[in-house]
Amino acid sequence: MNLNPLADRVVVKPAAAEEVTKSGLIIPDSAKEKPQQGEIVAVGPGRVSDDGKLITPQVSVGDTVLYGKYSGTEVTVDGDELLIMRESDIFAIVGAKKKK
């Protein structure tokens, strides 16, 4: 993939939507909800603060993240459905160790 996000933007590959409920019922395409979890596939260099310093992103490629239901812009690159969003649209990193 040749997609390099600018500033504090990240590219996320959304997780697949649930196709079967826990009880075994098959969910039709019309009833599937958009996933709110995905994997970071590209990260921009960061944003520039008001005093001119570069603030590096807290996420990195390979992180699994949670984001808002309507976050980001949907794009298709090389047949892959991706989301481009600002780092601030990400709520949490799944399985991240707390930094001291």
PDB file of N, CA and C in Angstrom:
ATOM      1  N   MET A   1       0.848  -1.176   0.000  1.00  0.00           N
ATOM      2  CA  MET A   1       0.000   0.000   0.000  1.00  0.00           C
ATOM      3  C   MET A   1       0.888   1.232   0.000  1.00  0.00           C
ATOM      4  N   ASN A   2       0.565   2.173  -0.861  1.00  0.00           N
ATOM      5  CA  ASN A   2       1.337   3.399  -0.959  1.00  0.00           C
ATOM      6  C   ASN A   2       0.453   4.568  -0.544  1.00  0.00           C
ATOM      7  N   LEU A   3       0.224   4.695   0.753  1.00  0.00           N
ATOM      8  CA  LEU A   3      -0.628   5.744   1.297  1.00  0.00           C
ATOM      9  C   LEU A   3       0.063   6.300   2.530  1.00  0.00           C
ATOM     10  N   ASN A   4       0.479   7.559   2.458  1.00  0.00           N
ATOM     11  CA  ASN A   4       1.189   8.186   3.572  1.00  0.00           C
ATOM     12  C   ASN A   4       0.358   9.340   4.117  1.00  0.00           C
ATOM     13  N   PRO A   5      -0.232   9.184   5.296  1.00  0.00           N
ATOM     14  CA  PRO A   5      -1.055  10.250   5.866  1.00  0.00           C
ATOM     15  C   PRO A   5      -0.213  11.451   6.283  1.00  0.00           C
ATOM     16  N   LEU A   6      -0.810  12.614   6.248  1.00  0.00           N
ATOM     17  CA  LEU A   6      -0.137  13.849   6.627  1.00  0.00           C
ATOM     18  C   LEU A   6      -0.492  14.243   8.051  1.00  0.00           C
ATOM     19  N   ALA A   7       0.357  15.036   8.656  1.00  0.00           N
ATOM     20  CA  ALA A   7       0.156  15.613   9.988  1.00  0.00           C
ATOM     21  C   ALA A   7      -0.222  14.542  11.017  1.00  0.00           C
ATOM     22  N   ASP A   8      -1.328  14.766  11.750  1.00  0.00           N
ATOM     23  CA  ASP A   8      -1.709  13.835  12.822  1.00  0.00           C
ATOM     24  C   ASP A   8      -2.766  12.839  12.360  1.00  0.00           C
ATOM     25  N   ARG A   9      -2.802  12.561  11.079  1.00  0.00           N
ATOM     26  CA  ARG A   9      -3.782  11.595  10.558  1.00  0.00           C
ATOM     27  C   ARG A   9      -3.210  10.180  10.579  1.00  0.00           C
ATOM     28  N   VAL A  10      -4.123   9.211  10.692  1.00  0.00           N
ATOM     29  CA  VAL A  10      -3.753   7.799  10.674  1.00  0.00           C
ATOM     30  C   VAL A  10      -4.659   7.077   9.685  1.00  0.00           C
ATOM     31  N   VAL A  11      -4.175   5.952   9.172  1.00  0.00           N
ATOM     32  CA  VAL A  11      -4.966   5.106   8.289  1.00  0.00           C
ATOM     33  C   VAL A  11      -5.292   3.838   9.063  1.00  0.00           C
ATOM     34  N   VAL A  12      -6.581   3.494   9.121  1.00  0.00           N
ATOM     35  CA  VAL A  12      -7.056   2.354   9.898  1.00  0.00           C
ATOM     36  C   VAL A  12      -7.755   1.369   8.973  1.00  0.00           C
ATOM     37  N   LYS A  13      -7.443   0.087   9.139  1.00  0.00           N
ATOM     38  CA  LYS A  13      -8.175  -0.973   8.439  1.00  0.00           C
ATOM     39  C   LYS A  13      -9.214  -1.491   9.424  1.00  0.00           C
ATOM     40  N   PRO A  14     -10.511  -1.206   9.166  1.00  0.00           N
ATOM     41  CA  PRO A  14     -11.546  -1.635  10.110  1.00  0.00           C
ATOM     42  C   PRO A  14     -11.622  -3.152  10.231  1.00  0.00           C
ATOM     43  N   ALA A  15     -11.981  -3.607  11.416  1.00  0.00           N
ATOM     44  CA  ALA A  15     -12.196  -5.039  11.644  1.00  0.00           C
ATOM     45  C   ALA A  15     -13.442  -5.467  10.875  1.00  0.00           C
ATOM     46  N   ALA A  16     -13.530  -6.733  10.557  1.00  0.00           N
ATOM     47  CA  ALA A  16     -14.691  -7.257   9.838  1.00  0.00           C
ATOM     48  C   ALA A  16     -15.935  -7.163  10.717  1.00  0.00           C
ATOM     49  N   ALA A  17     -17.069  -6.852  10.101  1.00  0.00           N
ATOM     50  CA  ALA A  17     -18.332  -6.770  10.828  1.00  0.00           C
ATOM     51  C   ALA A  17     -18.773  -8.173  11.254  1.00  0.00           C
ATOM     52  N   GLU A  18     -19.444  -8.240  12.378  1.00  0.00           N
ATOM     53  CA  GLU A  18     -19.954  -9.518  12.876  1.00  0.00           C
ATOM     54  C   GLU A  18     -20.940 -10.106  11.872  1.00  0.00           C
ATOM     55  N   GLU A  19     -20.786 -11.380  11.536  1.00  0.00           N
ATOM     56  CA  GLU A  19     -21.693 -12.026  10.584  1.00  0.00           C
ATOM     57  C   GLU A  19     -22.637 -13.008  11.261  1.00  0.00           C
ATOM     58  N   VAL A  20     -22.279 -13.436  12.477  1.00  0.00           N
ATOM     59  CA  VAL A  20     -23.100 -14.397  13.219  1.00  0.00           C
ATOM     60  C   VAL A  20     -23.159 -13.932  14.666  1.00  0.00           C
ATOM     61  N   THR A  21     -24.355 -13.993  15.255  1.00  0.00           N
ATOM     62  CA  THR A  21     -24.481 -13.628  16.659  1.00  0.00           C
ATOM     63  C   THR A  21     -23.903 -14.737  17.533  1.00  0.00           C
ATOM     64  N   LYS A  22     -23.755 -14.458  18.820  1.00  0.00           N
ATOM     65  CA  LYS A  22     -23.221 -15.454  19.744  1.00  0.00           C
ATOM     66  C   LYS A  22     -24.116 -16.682  19.824  1.00  0.00           C
ATOM     67  N   SER A  23     -25.408 -16.485  19.563  1.00  0.00           N
ATOM     68  CA  SER A  23     -26.338 -17.621  19.617  1.00  0.00           C
ATOM     69  C   SER A  23     -26.424 -18.373  18.290  1.00  0.00           C
ATOM     70  N   GLY A  24     -25.687 -17.889  17.257  1.00  0.00           N
ATOM     71  CA  GLY A  24     -25.627 -18.611  15.998  1.00  0.00           C
ATOM     72  C   GLY A  24     -26.511 -18.069  14.888  1.00  0.00           C
ATOM     73  N   LEU A  25     -27.222 -16.983  15.140  1.00  0.00           N
ATOM     74  CA  LEU A  25     -28.059 -16.386  14.101  1.00  0.00           C
ATOM     75  C   LEU A  25     -27.197 -15.636  13.099  1.00  0.00           C
ATOM     76  N   ILE A  26     -27.496 -15.779  11.817  1.00  0.00           N
ATOM     77  CA  ILE A  26     -26.744 -15.085  10.767  1.00  0.00           C
ATOM     78  C   ILE A  26     -27.318 -13.684  10.604  1.00  0.00           C
ATOM     79  N   ILE A  27     -26.440 -12.685  10.617  1.00  0.00           N
ATOM     80  CA  ILE A  27     -26.853 -11.290  10.491  1.00  0.00           C
ATOM     81  C   ILE A  27     -26.827 -10.912   9.010  1.00  0.00           C
ATOM     82  N   PRO A  28     -27.947 -10.425   8.446  1.00  0.00           N
ATOM     83  CA  PRO A  28     -27.945 -10.008   7.035  1.00  0.00           C
ATOM     84  C   PRO A  28     -27.134  -8.728   6.843  1.00  0.00           C
ATOM     85  N   ASP A  29     -26.655  -8.492   5.622  1.00  0.00           N
ATOM     86  CA  ASP A  29     -25.832  -7.316   5.330  1.00  0.00           C
ATOM     87  C   ASP A  29     -26.515  -6.016   5.733  1.00  0.00           C
ATOM     88  N   SER A  30     -27.815  -5.931   5.556  1.00  0.00           N
ATOM     89  CA  SER A  30     -28.546  -4.700   5.866  1.00  0.00           C
ATOM     90  C   SER A  30     -28.580  -4.391   7.361  1.00  0.00           C
ATOM     91  N   ALA A  31     -28.370  -5.371   8.205  1.00  0.00           N
ATOM     92  CA  ALA A  31     -28.449  -5.180   9.655  1.00  0.00           C
ATOM     93  C   ALA A  31     -27.078  -5.100  10.327  1.00  0.00           C
ATOM     94  N   LYS A  32     -26.005  -5.301   9.567  1.00  0.00           N
ATOM     95  CA  LYS A  32     -24.665  -5.268  10.166  1.00  0.00           C
ATOM     96  C   LYS A  32     -24.297  -3.847  10.565  1.00  0.00           C
ATOM     97  N   GLU A  33     -23.688  -3.724  11.719  1.00  0.00           N
ATOM     98  CA  GLU A  33     -23.224  -2.424  12.183  1.00  0.00           C
ATOM     99  C   GLU A  33     -21.792  -2.197  11.745  1.00  0.00           C
ATOM    100  N   LYS A  34     -21.463  -0.913  11.540  1.00  0.00           N
ATOM    101  CA  LYS A  34     -20.091  -0.586  11.183  1.00  0.00           C
ATOM    102  C   LYS A  34     -19.180  -0.919  12.360  1.00  0.00           C
ATOM    103  N   PRO A  35     -18.043  -1.545  12.095  1.00  0.00           N
ATOM    104  CA  PRO A  35     -17.130  -1.842  13.203  1.00  0.00           C
ATOM    105  C   PRO A  35     -16.552  -0.555  13.783  1.00  0.00           C
ATOM    106  N   GLN A  36     -16.243  -0.574  15.054  1.00  0.00           N
ATOM    107  CA  GLN A  36     -15.649   0.580  15.719  1.00  0.00           C
ATOM    108  C   GLN A  36     -14.262   0.228  16.239  1.00  0.00           C
ATOM    109  N   GLN A  37     -13.661  -0.772  15.626  1.00  0.00           N
ATOM    110  CA  GLN A  37     -12.341  -1.237  16.010  1.00  0.00           C
ATOM    111  C   GLN A  37     -11.574  -1.546  14.735  1.00  0.00           C
ATOM    112  N   GLY A  38     -10.271  -1.304  14.750  1.00  0.00           N
ATOM    113  CA  GLY A  38      -9.470  -1.606  13.580  1.00  0.00           C
ATOM    114  C   GLY A  38      -7.989  -1.563  13.892  1.00  0.00           C
ATOM    115  N   GLU A  39      -7.200  -1.857  12.860  1.00  0.00           N
ATOM    116  CA  GLU A  39      -5.746  -1.896  13.009  1.00  0.00           C
ATOM    117  C   GLU A  39      -5.129  -0.721  12.258  1.00  0.00           C
ATOM    118  N   ILE A  40      -4.182  -0.057  12.900  1.00  0.00           N
ATOM    119  CA  ILE A  40      -3.462   1.063  12.283  1.00  0.00           C
ATOM    120  C   ILE A  40      -2.523   0.493  11.221  1.00  0.00           C
ATOM    121  N   VAL A  41      -2.618   1.010   9.983  1.00  0.00           N
ATOM    122  CA  VAL A  41      -1.740   0.546   8.911  1.00  0.00           C
ATOM    123  C   VAL A  41      -0.755   1.630   8.467  1.00  0.00           C
ATOM    124  N   ALA A  42      -1.001   2.894   8.827  1.00  0.00           N
ATOM    125  CA  ALA A  42      -0.063   3.984   8.517  1.00  0.00           C
ATOM    126  C   ALA A  42      -0.309   5.135   9.480  1.00  0.00           C
ATOM    127  N   VAL A  43       0.753   5.841   9.834  1.00  0.00           N
ATOM    128  CA  VAL A  43       0.676   6.962  10.777  1.00  0.00           C
ATOM    129  C   VAL A  43       1.445   8.144  10.202  1.00  0.00           C
ATOM    130  N   GLY A  44       0.841   9.330  10.303  1.00  0.00           N
ATOM    131  CA  GLY A  44       1.511  10.552   9.866  1.00  0.00           C
ATOM    132  C   GLY A  44       2.614  10.952  10.835  1.00  0.00           C
ATOM    133  N   PRO A  45       3.417  11.959  10.478  1.00  0.00           N
ATOM    134  CA  PRO A  45       4.546  12.362  11.326  1.00  0.00           C
ATOM    135  C   PRO A  45       4.143  13.049  12.620  1.00  0.00           C
ATOM    136  N   GLY A  46       2.927  13.554  12.718  1.00  0.00           N
ATOM    137  CA  GLY A  46       2.468  14.254  13.910  1.00  0.00           C
ATOM    138  C   GLY A  46       2.033  15.659  13.570  1.00  0.00           C
ATOM    139  N   ARG A  47       1.530  16.362  14.563  1.00  0.00           N
ATOM    140  CA  ARG A  47       1.073  17.732  14.321  1.00  0.00           C
ATOM    141  C   ARG A  47       2.062  18.725  14.928  1.00  0.00           C
ATOM    142  N   VAL A  48       2.011  19.929  14.398  1.00  0.00           N
ATOM    143  CA  VAL A  48       2.888  20.986  14.885  1.00  0.00           C
ATOM    144  C   VAL A  48       2.097  21.834  15.871  1.00  0.00           C
ATOM    145  N   SER A  49       2.656  22.026  17.060  1.00  0.00           N
ATOM    146  CA  SER A  49       1.972  22.814  18.095  1.00  0.00           C
ATOM    147  C   SER A  49       2.078  24.298  17.759  1.00  0.00           C
ATOM    148  N   ASP A  50       1.390  25.126  18.550  1.00  0.00           N
ATOM    149  CA  ASP A  50       1.392  26.575  18.321  1.00  0.00           C
ATOM    150  C   ASP A  50       2.774  27.191  18.438  1.00  0.00           C
ATOM    151  N   ASP A  51       3.642  26.572  19.243  1.00  0.00           N
ATOM    152  CA  ASP A  51       4.997  27.114  19.400  1.00  0.00           C
ATOM    153  C   ASP A  51       5.994  26.491  18.412  1.00  0.00           C
ATOM    154  N   GLY A  52       5.497  25.712  17.457  1.00  0.00           N
ATOM    155  CA  GLY A  52       6.343  25.192  16.386  1.00  0.00           C
ATOM    156  C   GLY A  52       6.985  23.846  16.639  1.00  0.00           C
ATOM    157  N   LYS A  53       6.670  23.198  17.756  1.00  0.00           N
ATOM    158  CA  LYS A  53       7.264  21.900  18.067  1.00  0.00           C
ATOM    159  C   LYS A  53       6.402  20.778  17.481  1.00  0.00           C
ATOM    160  N   LEU A  54       7.048  19.718  17.011  1.00  0.00           N
ATOM    161  CA  LEU A  54       6.344  18.564  16.463  1.00  0.00           C
ATOM    162  C   LEU A  54       5.894  17.657  17.596  1.00  0.00           C
ATOM    163  N   ILE A  55       4.596  17.374  17.644  1.00  0.00           N
ATOM    164  CA  ILE A  55       4.031  16.467  18.643  1.00  0.00           C
ATOM    165  C   ILE A  55       3.814  15.137  17.947  1.00  0.00           C
ATOM    166  N   THR A  56       4.600  14.126  18.341  1.00  0.00           N
ATOM    167  CA  THR A  56       4.533  12.825  17.676  1.00  0.00           C
ATOM    168  C   THR A  56       3.278  12.064  18.109  1.00  0.00           C
ATOM    169  N   PRO A  57       2.733  11.231  17.227  1.00  0.00           N
ATOM    170  CA  PRO A  57       1.524  10.466  17.557  1.00  0.00           C
ATOM    171  C   PRO A  57       1.778   9.439  18.670  1.00  0.00           C
ATOM    172  N   GLN A  58       0.721   9.123  19.413  1.00  0.00           N
ATOM    173  CA  GLN A  58       0.814   8.129  20.474  1.00  0.00           C
ATOM    174  C   GLN A  58       0.523   6.732  19.961  1.00  0.00           C
ATOM    175  N   VAL A  59       0.007   6.614  18.741  1.00  0.00           N
ATOM    176  CA  VAL A  59      -0.282   5.306  18.152  1.00  0.00           C
ATOM    177  C   VAL A  59       0.806   4.958  17.150  1.00  0.00           C
ATOM    178  N   SER A  60       0.917   3.670  16.850  1.00  0.00           N
ATOM    179  CA  SER A  60       1.903   3.231  15.861  1.00  0.00           C
ATOM    180  C   SER A  60       1.294   2.136  14.989  1.00  0.00           C
ATOM    181  N   VAL A  61       1.960   1.851  13.890  1.00  0.00           N
ATOM    182  CA  VAL A  61       1.483   0.829  12.961  1.00  0.00           C
ATOM    183  C   VAL A  61       1.377  -0.508  13.690  1.00  0.00           C
ATOM    184  N   GLY A  62       0.255  -1.197  13.491  1.00  0.00           N
ATOM    185  CA  GLY A  62       0.030  -2.484  14.129  1.00  0.00           C
ATOM    186  C   GLY A  62      -0.847  -2.418  15.362  1.00  0.00           C
ATOM    187  N   ASP A  63      -1.051  -1.215  15.924  1.00  0.00           N
ATOM    188  CA  ASP A  63      -1.919  -1.073  17.095  1.00  0.00           C
ATOM    189  C   ASP A  63      -3.369  -1.347  16.710  1.00  0.00           C
ATOM    190  N   THR A  64      -4.104  -1.991  17.603  1.00  0.00           N
ATOM    191  CA  THR A  64      -5.542  -2.162  17.441  1.00  0.00           C
ATOM    192  C   THR A  64      -6.206  -1.066  18.251  1.00  0.00           C
ATOM    193  N   VAL A  65      -7.082  -0.293  17.606  1.00  0.00           N
ATOM    194  CA  VAL A  65      -7.659   0.883  18.248  1.00  0.00           C
ATOM    195  C   VAL A  65      -9.185   0.861  18.201  1.00  0.00           C
ATOM    196  N   LEU A  66      -9.793   1.627  19.118  1.00  0.00           N
ATOM    197  CA  LEU A  66     -11.231   1.866  19.143  1.00  0.00           C
ATOM    198  C   LEU A  66     -11.477   3.302  18.723  1.00  0.00           C
ATOM    199  N   TYR A  67     -12.488   3.518  17.880  1.00  0.00           N
ATOM    200  CA  TYR A  67     -12.775   4.865  17.387  1.00  0.00           C
ATOM    201  C   TYR A  67     -14.280   5.063  17.298  1.00  0.00           C
ATOM    202  N   GLY A  68     -14.711   6.292  17.076  1.00  0.00           N
ATOM    203  CA  GLY A  68     -16.128   6.623  17.007  1.00  0.00           C
ATOM    204  C   GLY A  68     -16.814   6.012  15.803  1.00  0.00           C
ATOM    205  N   LYS A  69     -18.118   5.794  15.926  1.00  0.00           N
ATOM    206  CA  LYS A  69     -18.907   5.131  14.888  1.00  0.00           C
ATOM    207  C   LYS A  69     -18.837   5.866  13.548  1.00  0.00           C
ATOM    208  N   TYR A  70     -18.825   7.187  13.579  1.00  0.00           N
ATOM    209  CA  TYR A  70     -18.826   7.974  12.341  1.00  0.00           C
ATOM    210  C   TYR A  70     -17.499   8.686  12.106  1.00  0.00           C
ATOM    211  N   SER A  71     -16.422   8.181  12.681  1.00  0.00           N
ATOM    212  CA  SER A  71     -15.106   8.805  12.545  1.00  0.00           C
ATOM    213  C   SER A  71     -14.486   8.502  11.196  1.00  0.00           C
ATOM    214  N   GLY A  72     -13.700   9.438  10.714  1.00  0.00           N
ATOM    215  CA  GLY A  72     -12.878   9.208   9.540  1.00  0.00           C
ATOM    216  C   GLY A  72     -13.593   9.309   8.211  1.00  0.00           C
ATOM    217  N   THR A  73     -12.772   9.216   7.170  1.00  0.00           N
ATOM    218  CA  THR A  73     -13.236   9.239   5.792  1.00  0.00           C
ATOM    219  C   THR A  73     -12.919   7.898   5.168  1.00  0.00           C
ATOM    220  N   GLU A  74     -13.934   7.276   4.571  1.00  0.00           N
ATOM    221  CA  GLU A  74     -13.751   5.965   3.961  1.00  0.00           C
ATOM    222  C   GLU A  74     -13.104   6.104   2.588  1.00  0.00           C
ATOM    223  N   VAL A  75     -12.057   5.315   2.344  1.00  0.00           N
ATOM    224  CA  VAL A  75     -11.373   5.276   1.045  1.00  0.00           C
ATOM    225  C   VAL A  75     -11.093   3.820   0.684  1.00  0.00           C
ATOM    226  N   THR A  76     -10.920   3.572  -0.615  1.00  0.00           N
ATOM    227  CA  THR A  76     -10.537   2.238  -1.071  1.00  0.00           C
ATOM    228  C   THR A  76      -9.205   2.362  -1.789  1.00  0.00           C
ATOM    229  N   VAL A  77      -8.208   1.613  -1.317  1.00  0.00           N
ATOM    230  CA  VAL A  77      -6.874   1.632  -1.908  1.00  0.00           C
ATOM    231  C   VAL A  77      -6.472   0.188  -2.186  1.00  0.00           C
ATOM    232  N   ASP A  78      -6.141  -0.112  -3.430  1.00  0.00           N
ATOM    233  CA  ASP A  78      -5.742  -1.464  -3.835  1.00  0.00           C
ATOM    234  C   ASP A  78      -6.778  -2.511  -3.414  1.00  0.00           C
ATOM    235  N   GLY A  79      -8.061  -2.149  -3.458  1.00  0.00           N
ATOM    236  CA  GLY A  79      -9.126  -3.085  -3.106  1.00  0.00           C
ATOM    237  C   GLY A  79      -9.401  -3.203  -1.621  1.00  0.00           C
ATOM    238  N   ASP A  80      -8.625  -2.516  -0.786  1.00  0.00           N
ATOM    239  CA  ASP A  80      -8.832  -2.545   0.666  1.00  0.00           C
ATOM    240  C   ASP A  80      -9.663  -1.348   1.102  1.00  0.00           C
ATOM    241  N   GLU A  81     -10.682  -1.606   1.930  1.00  0.00           N
ATOM    242  CA  GLU A  81     -11.493  -0.528   2.497  1.00  0.00           C
ATOM    243  C   GLU A  81     -10.760  -0.002   3.731  1.00  0.00           C
ATOM    244  N   LEU A  82     -10.449   1.304   3.728  1.00  0.00           N
ATOM    245  CA  LEU A  82      -9.682   1.910   4.809  1.00  0.00           C
ATOM    246  C   LEU A  82     -10.379   3.160   5.315  1.00  0.00           C
ATOM    247  N   LEU A  83      -9.988   3.613   6.495  1.00  0.00           N
ATOM    248  CA  LEU A  83     -10.455   4.871   7.062  1.00  0.00           C
ATOM    249  C   LEU A  83      -9.264   5.775   7.301  1.00  0.00           C
ATOM    250  N   ILE A  84      -9.388   7.044   6.921  1.00  0.00           N
ATOM    251  CA  ILE A  84      -8.373   8.035   7.259  1.00  0.00           C
ATOM    252  C   ILE A  84      -9.004   8.953   8.298  1.00  0.00           C
ATOM    253  N   MET A  85      -8.353   9.078   9.457  1.00  0.00           N
ATOM    254  CA  MET A  85      -8.905   9.901  10.532  1.00  0.00           C
ATOM    255  C   MET A  85      -7.791  10.596  11.297  1.00  0.00           C
ATOM    256  N   ARG A  86      -8.182  11.600  12.051  1.00  0.00           N
ATOM    257  CA  ARG A  86      -7.223  12.277  12.925  1.00  0.00           C
ATOM    258  C   ARG A  86      -6.963  11.398  14.151  1.00  0.00           C
ATOM    259  N   GLU A  87      -5.783  11.537  14.693  1.00  0.00           N
ATOM    260  CA  GLU A  87      -5.444  10.750  15.888  1.00  0.00           C
ATOM    261  C   GLU A  87      -6.419  11.061  17.032  1.00  0.00           C
ATOM    262  N   SER A  88      -6.921  12.275  17.085  1.00  0.00           N
ATOM    263  CA  SER A  88      -7.841  12.658  18.159  1.00  0.00           C
ATOM    264  C   SER A  88      -9.191  11.939  18.060  1.00  0.00           C
ATOM    265  N   ASP A  89      -9.519  11.325  16.910  1.00  0.00           N
ATOM    266  CA  ASP A  89     -10.755  10.547  16.756  1.00  0.00           C
ATOM    267  C   ASP A  89     -10.642   9.155  17.377  1.00  0.00           C
ATOM    268  N   ILE A  90      -9.433   8.770  17.779  1.00  0.00           N
ATOM    269  CA  ILE A  90      -9.200   7.456  18.386  1.00  0.00           C
ATOM    270  C   ILE A  90      -9.421   7.565  19.889  1.00  0.00           C
ATOM    271  N   PHE A  91     -10.240   6.639  20.421  1.00  0.00           N
ATOM    272  CA  PHE A  91     -10.559   6.666  21.847  1.00  0.00           C
ATOM    273  C   PHE A  91      -9.560   5.895  22.689  1.00  0.00           C
ATOM    274  N   ALA A  92      -9.074   4.749  22.182  1.00  0.00           N
ATOM    275  CA  ALA A  92      -8.215   3.903  22.995  1.00  0.00           C
ATOM    276  C   ALA A  92      -7.426   2.940  22.123  1.00  0.00           C
ATOM    277  N   ILE A  93      -6.309   2.468  22.665  1.00  0.00           N
ATOM    278  CA  ILE A  93      -5.533   1.405  22.063  1.00  0.00           C
ATOM    279  C   ILE A  93      -5.872   0.133  22.835  1.00  0.00           C
ATOM    280  N   VAL A  94      -6.315  -0.898  22.117  1.00  0.00           N
ATOM    281  CA  VAL A  94      -6.714  -2.154  22.754  1.00  0.00           C
ATOM    282  C   VAL A  94      -5.460  -2.934  23.138  1.00  0.00           C
ATOM    283  N   GLY A  95      -5.384  -3.330  24.400  1.00  0.00           N
ATOM    284  CA  GLY A  95      -4.268  -4.146  24.865  1.00  0.00           C
ATOM    285  C   GLY A  95      -2.976  -3.374  25.090  1.00  0.00           C
ATOM    286  N   ALA A  96      -3.047  -2.049  25.117  1.00  0.00           N
ATOM    287  CA  ALA A  96      -1.846  -1.236  25.320  1.00  0.00           C
ATOM    288  C   ALA A  96      -1.422  -1.275  26.777  1.00  0.00           C
ATOM    289  N   LYS A  97      -0.134  -1.313  27.003  1.00  0.00           N
ATOM    290  CA  LYS A  97       0.390  -1.268  28.358  1.00  0.00           C
ATOM    291  C   LYS A  97       0.467   0.196  28.780  1.00  0.00           C
ATOM    292  N   LYS A  98       0.106   0.441  30.020  1.00  0.00           N
ATOM    293  CA  LYS A  98       0.106   1.804  30.552  1.00  0.00           C
ATOM    294  C   LYS A  98       1.535   2.306  30.710  1.00  0.00           C
ATOM    295  N   LYS A  99       1.786   3.526  30.164  1.00  0.00           N
ATOM    296  CA  LYS A  99       3.122   4.116  30.273  1.00  0.00           C
ATOM    297  C   LYS A  99       3.241   4.840  31.611  1.00  0.00           C
ATOM    298  N   LYS A 100       4.414   4.715  32.204  1.00  0.00           N
ATOM    299  CA  LYS A 100       4.648   5.387  33.506  1.00  0.00           C
ATOM    300  C   LYS A 100       5.287   6.717  33.298  1.00  0.00           C
TER     301      LYS A 100
END
